[in-house]
N, C-alpha and C. Protein backbone atom coordinates (compact mmCIF):
# COMPACT_ATOMS: atom_id res chain seq x y z
N MET A 1 108.02 114.16 -126.80
CA MET A 1 109.41 114.23 -127.20
C MET A 1 109.96 115.61 -126.91
N ARG A 2 111.16 115.65 -126.42
CA ARG A 2 111.83 116.92 -126.18
C ARG A 2 112.74 117.26 -127.37
N ILE A 3 112.72 118.52 -127.73
CA ILE A 3 113.59 119.01 -128.80
C ILE A 3 114.89 119.49 -128.17
N ASP A 4 116.00 119.01 -128.69
CA ASP A 4 117.32 119.46 -128.24
C ASP A 4 117.70 120.68 -129.06
N ARG A 5 117.45 121.85 -128.50
CA ARG A 5 117.66 123.11 -129.23
C ARG A 5 119.14 123.48 -129.33
N GLU A 6 119.99 122.85 -128.55
CA GLU A 6 121.41 123.19 -128.56
C GLU A 6 122.27 122.12 -129.23
N GLY A 7 121.64 121.04 -129.67
CA GLY A 7 122.36 119.96 -130.32
C GLY A 7 122.68 120.28 -131.77
N PRO A 8 123.42 119.38 -132.43
CA PRO A 8 123.84 119.62 -133.82
C PRO A 8 122.73 119.41 -134.85
N VAL A 9 121.65 118.73 -134.47
CA VAL A 9 120.55 118.44 -135.41
C VAL A 9 119.48 119.53 -135.26
N PRO A 10 119.14 120.22 -136.36
CA PRO A 10 118.12 121.27 -136.29
C PRO A 10 116.78 120.71 -135.79
N PRO A 11 116.02 121.54 -135.06
CA PRO A 11 114.73 121.08 -134.52
C PRO A 11 113.81 120.48 -135.57
N TYR A 12 113.75 121.08 -136.78
CA TYR A 12 112.83 120.54 -137.79
C TYR A 12 113.22 119.12 -138.19
N GLN A 13 114.51 118.82 -138.21
CA GLN A 13 114.95 117.46 -138.54
C GLN A 13 114.64 116.49 -137.41
N GLN A 14 114.73 116.96 -136.17
CA GLN A 14 114.37 116.11 -135.04
C GLN A 14 112.88 115.75 -135.09
N ILE A 15 112.05 116.74 -135.41
CA ILE A 15 110.60 116.51 -135.49
C ILE A 15 110.28 115.59 -136.66
N ALA A 16 110.94 115.81 -137.80
CA ALA A 16 110.73 114.93 -138.96
C ALA A 16 111.10 113.49 -138.60
N ALA A 17 112.19 113.31 -137.89
CA ALA A 17 112.62 111.96 -137.50
C ALA A 17 111.60 111.32 -136.56
N PHE A 18 111.06 112.10 -135.65
CA PHE A 18 110.06 111.58 -134.72
C PHE A 18 108.79 111.16 -135.46
N LEU A 19 108.33 112.01 -136.38
CA LEU A 19 107.13 111.67 -137.16
C LEU A 19 107.40 110.48 -138.08
N ARG A 20 108.59 110.43 -138.67
CA ARG A 20 108.97 109.30 -139.53
C ARG A 20 108.91 108.00 -138.73
N GLU A 21 109.40 108.04 -137.49
CA GLU A 21 109.37 106.86 -136.63
C GLU A 21 107.93 106.41 -136.37
N ARG A 22 107.05 107.38 -136.11
CA ARG A 22 105.63 107.05 -135.90
C ARG A 22 105.02 106.39 -137.14
N ILE A 23 105.38 106.92 -138.31
CA ILE A 23 104.84 106.38 -139.56
C ILE A 23 105.38 104.97 -139.80
N GLU A 24 106.69 104.80 -139.67
CA GLU A 24 107.31 103.51 -139.96
C GLU A 24 106.92 102.43 -138.96
N SER A 25 106.61 102.83 -137.72
CA SER A 25 106.20 101.85 -136.70
C SER A 25 104.74 101.47 -136.84
N GLY A 26 103.99 102.24 -137.65
CA GLY A 26 102.57 101.97 -137.81
C GLY A 26 101.70 102.72 -136.83
N ALA A 27 102.32 103.53 -135.96
CA ALA A 27 101.54 104.34 -135.03
C ALA A 27 100.63 105.31 -135.78
N ILE A 28 101.12 105.80 -136.93
CA ILE A 28 100.28 106.56 -137.86
C ILE A 28 100.28 105.74 -139.15
N PRO A 29 99.24 104.95 -139.36
CA PRO A 29 99.23 104.04 -140.52
C PRO A 29 98.93 104.75 -141.83
N PRO A 30 99.23 104.09 -142.95
CA PRO A 30 98.91 104.65 -144.27
C PRO A 30 97.45 105.06 -144.36
N GLY A 31 97.23 106.20 -145.01
CA GLY A 31 95.87 106.69 -145.18
C GLY A 31 95.37 107.54 -144.03
N ARG A 32 96.15 107.63 -142.96
CA ARG A 32 95.74 108.43 -141.79
C ARG A 32 96.45 109.77 -141.80
N ARG A 33 95.79 110.74 -141.18
CA ARG A 33 96.32 112.09 -141.09
C ARG A 33 97.38 112.17 -139.99
N ILE A 34 98.47 112.89 -140.28
CA ILE A 34 99.41 113.17 -139.21
C ILE A 34 98.83 114.33 -138.39
N PRO A 35 99.31 114.55 -137.18
CA PRO A 35 98.77 115.67 -136.39
C PRO A 35 98.89 117.00 -137.14
N SER A 36 97.93 117.87 -136.92
CA SER A 36 97.93 119.18 -137.57
C SER A 36 99.06 120.04 -137.02
N LEU A 37 99.35 121.14 -137.71
CA LEU A 37 100.38 122.06 -137.23
C LEU A 37 100.05 122.58 -135.84
N VAL A 38 98.78 122.83 -135.58
CA VAL A 38 98.36 123.30 -134.25
C VAL A 38 98.67 122.24 -133.20
N GLU A 39 98.35 120.98 -133.51
CA GLU A 39 98.62 119.89 -132.57
C GLU A 39 100.12 119.70 -132.36
N LEU A 40 100.88 119.76 -133.45
CA LEU A 40 102.33 119.60 -133.35
C LEU A 40 102.96 120.77 -132.60
N GLU A 41 102.43 121.97 -132.82
CA GLU A 41 102.93 123.15 -132.12
C GLU A 41 102.76 122.98 -130.61
N ALA A 42 101.61 122.45 -130.20
CA ALA A 42 101.36 122.22 -128.78
C ALA A 42 102.27 121.12 -128.24
N GLU A 43 102.51 120.09 -129.04
CA GLU A 43 103.31 118.95 -128.60
C GLU A 43 104.80 119.30 -128.47
N PHE A 44 105.33 120.04 -129.45
CA PHE A 44 106.76 120.29 -129.48
C PHE A 44 107.18 121.68 -129.02
N GLY A 45 106.24 122.62 -128.98
CA GLY A 45 106.57 123.97 -128.53
C GLY A 45 107.51 124.72 -129.46
N VAL A 46 107.32 124.52 -130.76
CA VAL A 46 108.15 125.20 -131.75
C VAL A 46 107.26 126.02 -132.68
N ALA A 47 107.88 126.89 -133.45
CA ALA A 47 107.15 127.74 -134.39
C ALA A 47 106.58 126.91 -135.54
N ARG A 48 105.52 127.40 -136.12
CA ARG A 48 104.89 126.68 -137.23
C ARG A 48 105.81 126.56 -138.43
N ASP A 49 106.66 127.55 -138.64
CA ASP A 49 107.60 127.46 -139.75
C ASP A 49 108.52 126.26 -139.58
N THR A 50 108.94 126.00 -138.36
CA THR A 50 109.77 124.83 -138.07
C THR A 50 109.00 123.55 -138.39
N LEU A 51 107.72 123.53 -138.04
CA LEU A 51 106.89 122.36 -138.31
C LEU A 51 106.66 122.17 -139.81
N ARG A 52 106.49 123.27 -140.52
CA ARG A 52 106.32 123.18 -141.98
C ARG A 52 107.56 122.58 -142.62
N LYS A 53 108.73 122.97 -142.13
CA LYS A 53 109.98 122.40 -142.66
C LYS A 53 110.03 120.90 -142.39
N ALA A 54 109.61 120.49 -141.20
CA ALA A 54 109.62 119.06 -140.85
C ALA A 54 108.68 118.28 -141.77
N VAL A 55 107.50 118.81 -142.02
CA VAL A 55 106.54 118.15 -142.90
C VAL A 55 107.07 118.11 -144.33
N LYS A 56 107.75 119.17 -144.76
CA LYS A 56 108.33 119.19 -146.10
C LYS A 56 109.37 118.09 -146.27
N VAL A 57 110.15 117.83 -145.23
CA VAL A 57 111.13 116.73 -145.28
C VAL A 57 110.40 115.41 -145.56
N LEU A 58 109.30 115.18 -144.85
CA LEU A 58 108.54 113.93 -145.02
C LEU A 58 107.90 113.87 -146.41
N LYS A 59 107.44 115.02 -146.91
CA LYS A 59 106.88 115.06 -148.27
C LYS A 59 107.95 114.73 -149.29
N ASP A 60 109.12 115.33 -149.12
CA ASP A 60 110.22 115.08 -150.05
C ASP A 60 110.65 113.62 -150.05
N GLU A 61 110.48 112.95 -148.92
CA GLU A 61 110.81 111.52 -148.80
C GLU A 61 109.70 110.63 -149.33
N GLY A 62 108.55 111.23 -149.67
CA GLY A 62 107.44 110.46 -150.19
C GLY A 62 106.63 109.74 -149.13
N LEU A 63 106.78 110.15 -147.88
CA LEU A 63 106.05 109.49 -146.78
C LEU A 63 104.65 110.06 -146.59
N VAL A 64 104.47 111.36 -146.90
CA VAL A 64 103.18 112.01 -146.69
C VAL A 64 102.83 112.86 -147.89
N GLU A 65 101.55 113.21 -147.98
CA GLU A 65 101.07 114.11 -149.02
C GLU A 65 99.97 114.99 -148.44
N THR A 66 99.86 116.19 -148.99
CA THR A 66 98.83 117.12 -148.55
C THR A 66 97.55 116.87 -149.32
N VAL A 67 96.44 116.81 -148.60
CA VAL A 67 95.12 116.74 -149.21
C VAL A 67 94.46 118.07 -148.89
N THR A 68 94.25 118.88 -149.92
CA THR A 68 93.75 120.23 -149.74
C THR A 68 92.48 120.25 -148.91
N GLY A 69 92.51 121.08 -147.87
CA GLY A 69 91.36 121.23 -147.00
C GLY A 69 91.19 120.13 -145.97
N MET A 70 92.04 119.12 -146.03
CA MET A 70 91.90 117.98 -145.12
C MET A 70 93.09 117.82 -144.18
N GLY A 71 94.29 118.06 -144.68
CA GLY A 71 95.47 117.89 -143.86
C GLY A 71 96.56 117.14 -144.59
N VAL A 72 97.50 116.62 -143.83
CA VAL A 72 98.64 115.87 -144.38
C VAL A 72 98.45 114.41 -144.00
N PHE A 73 98.50 113.54 -144.99
CA PHE A 73 98.21 112.13 -144.79
C PHE A 73 99.41 111.26 -145.14
N VAL A 74 99.51 110.14 -144.44
CA VAL A 74 100.56 109.15 -144.72
C VAL A 74 100.22 108.47 -146.04
N VAL A 75 101.21 108.39 -146.90
CA VAL A 75 101.03 107.76 -148.21
C VAL A 75 101.01 106.25 -148.03
N ASP A 76 100.13 105.59 -148.76
CA ASP A 76 100.07 104.12 -148.70
C ASP A 76 101.37 103.54 -149.22
N GLY A 77 102.00 102.69 -148.40
CA GLY A 77 103.26 102.06 -148.80
C GLY A 77 104.47 102.93 -148.51
N GLY A 78 104.30 104.02 -147.78
CA GLY A 78 105.41 104.91 -147.47
C GLY A 78 106.42 104.26 -146.56
N GLY A 79 107.68 104.66 -146.71
CA GLY A 79 108.73 104.20 -145.83
C GLY A 79 109.36 102.88 -146.21
N THR A 80 108.97 102.32 -147.36
CA THR A 80 109.51 101.00 -147.73
C THR A 80 110.73 101.13 -148.61
N GLY A 81 111.03 102.31 -149.12
CA GLY A 81 112.12 102.44 -150.08
C GLY A 81 113.38 103.07 -149.51
N THR A 82 113.80 102.68 -148.32
CA THR A 82 115.00 103.27 -147.74
C THR A 82 116.24 102.57 -148.28
N GLY A 83 117.34 103.34 -148.35
CA GLY A 83 118.59 102.71 -148.75
C GLY A 83 119.06 103.27 -149.97
């Protein structure tokens, strides 16, 4: 995915939307780890702070949770409460 750095949507929101799409489509199923910050940094070419903001958006939405020492995982049943 390419980040539109000049568009009206901040990069962290674009990345959050892309990860949300992966989660909701089942590409990253419940109980599975989302890519690490290092992996996301390589994929999107953005700073880790930007990636942390994107992950925080998903946490605030209840889609993912941090497991200390393991990474960030998709919550079971995440993404069903939109609206």
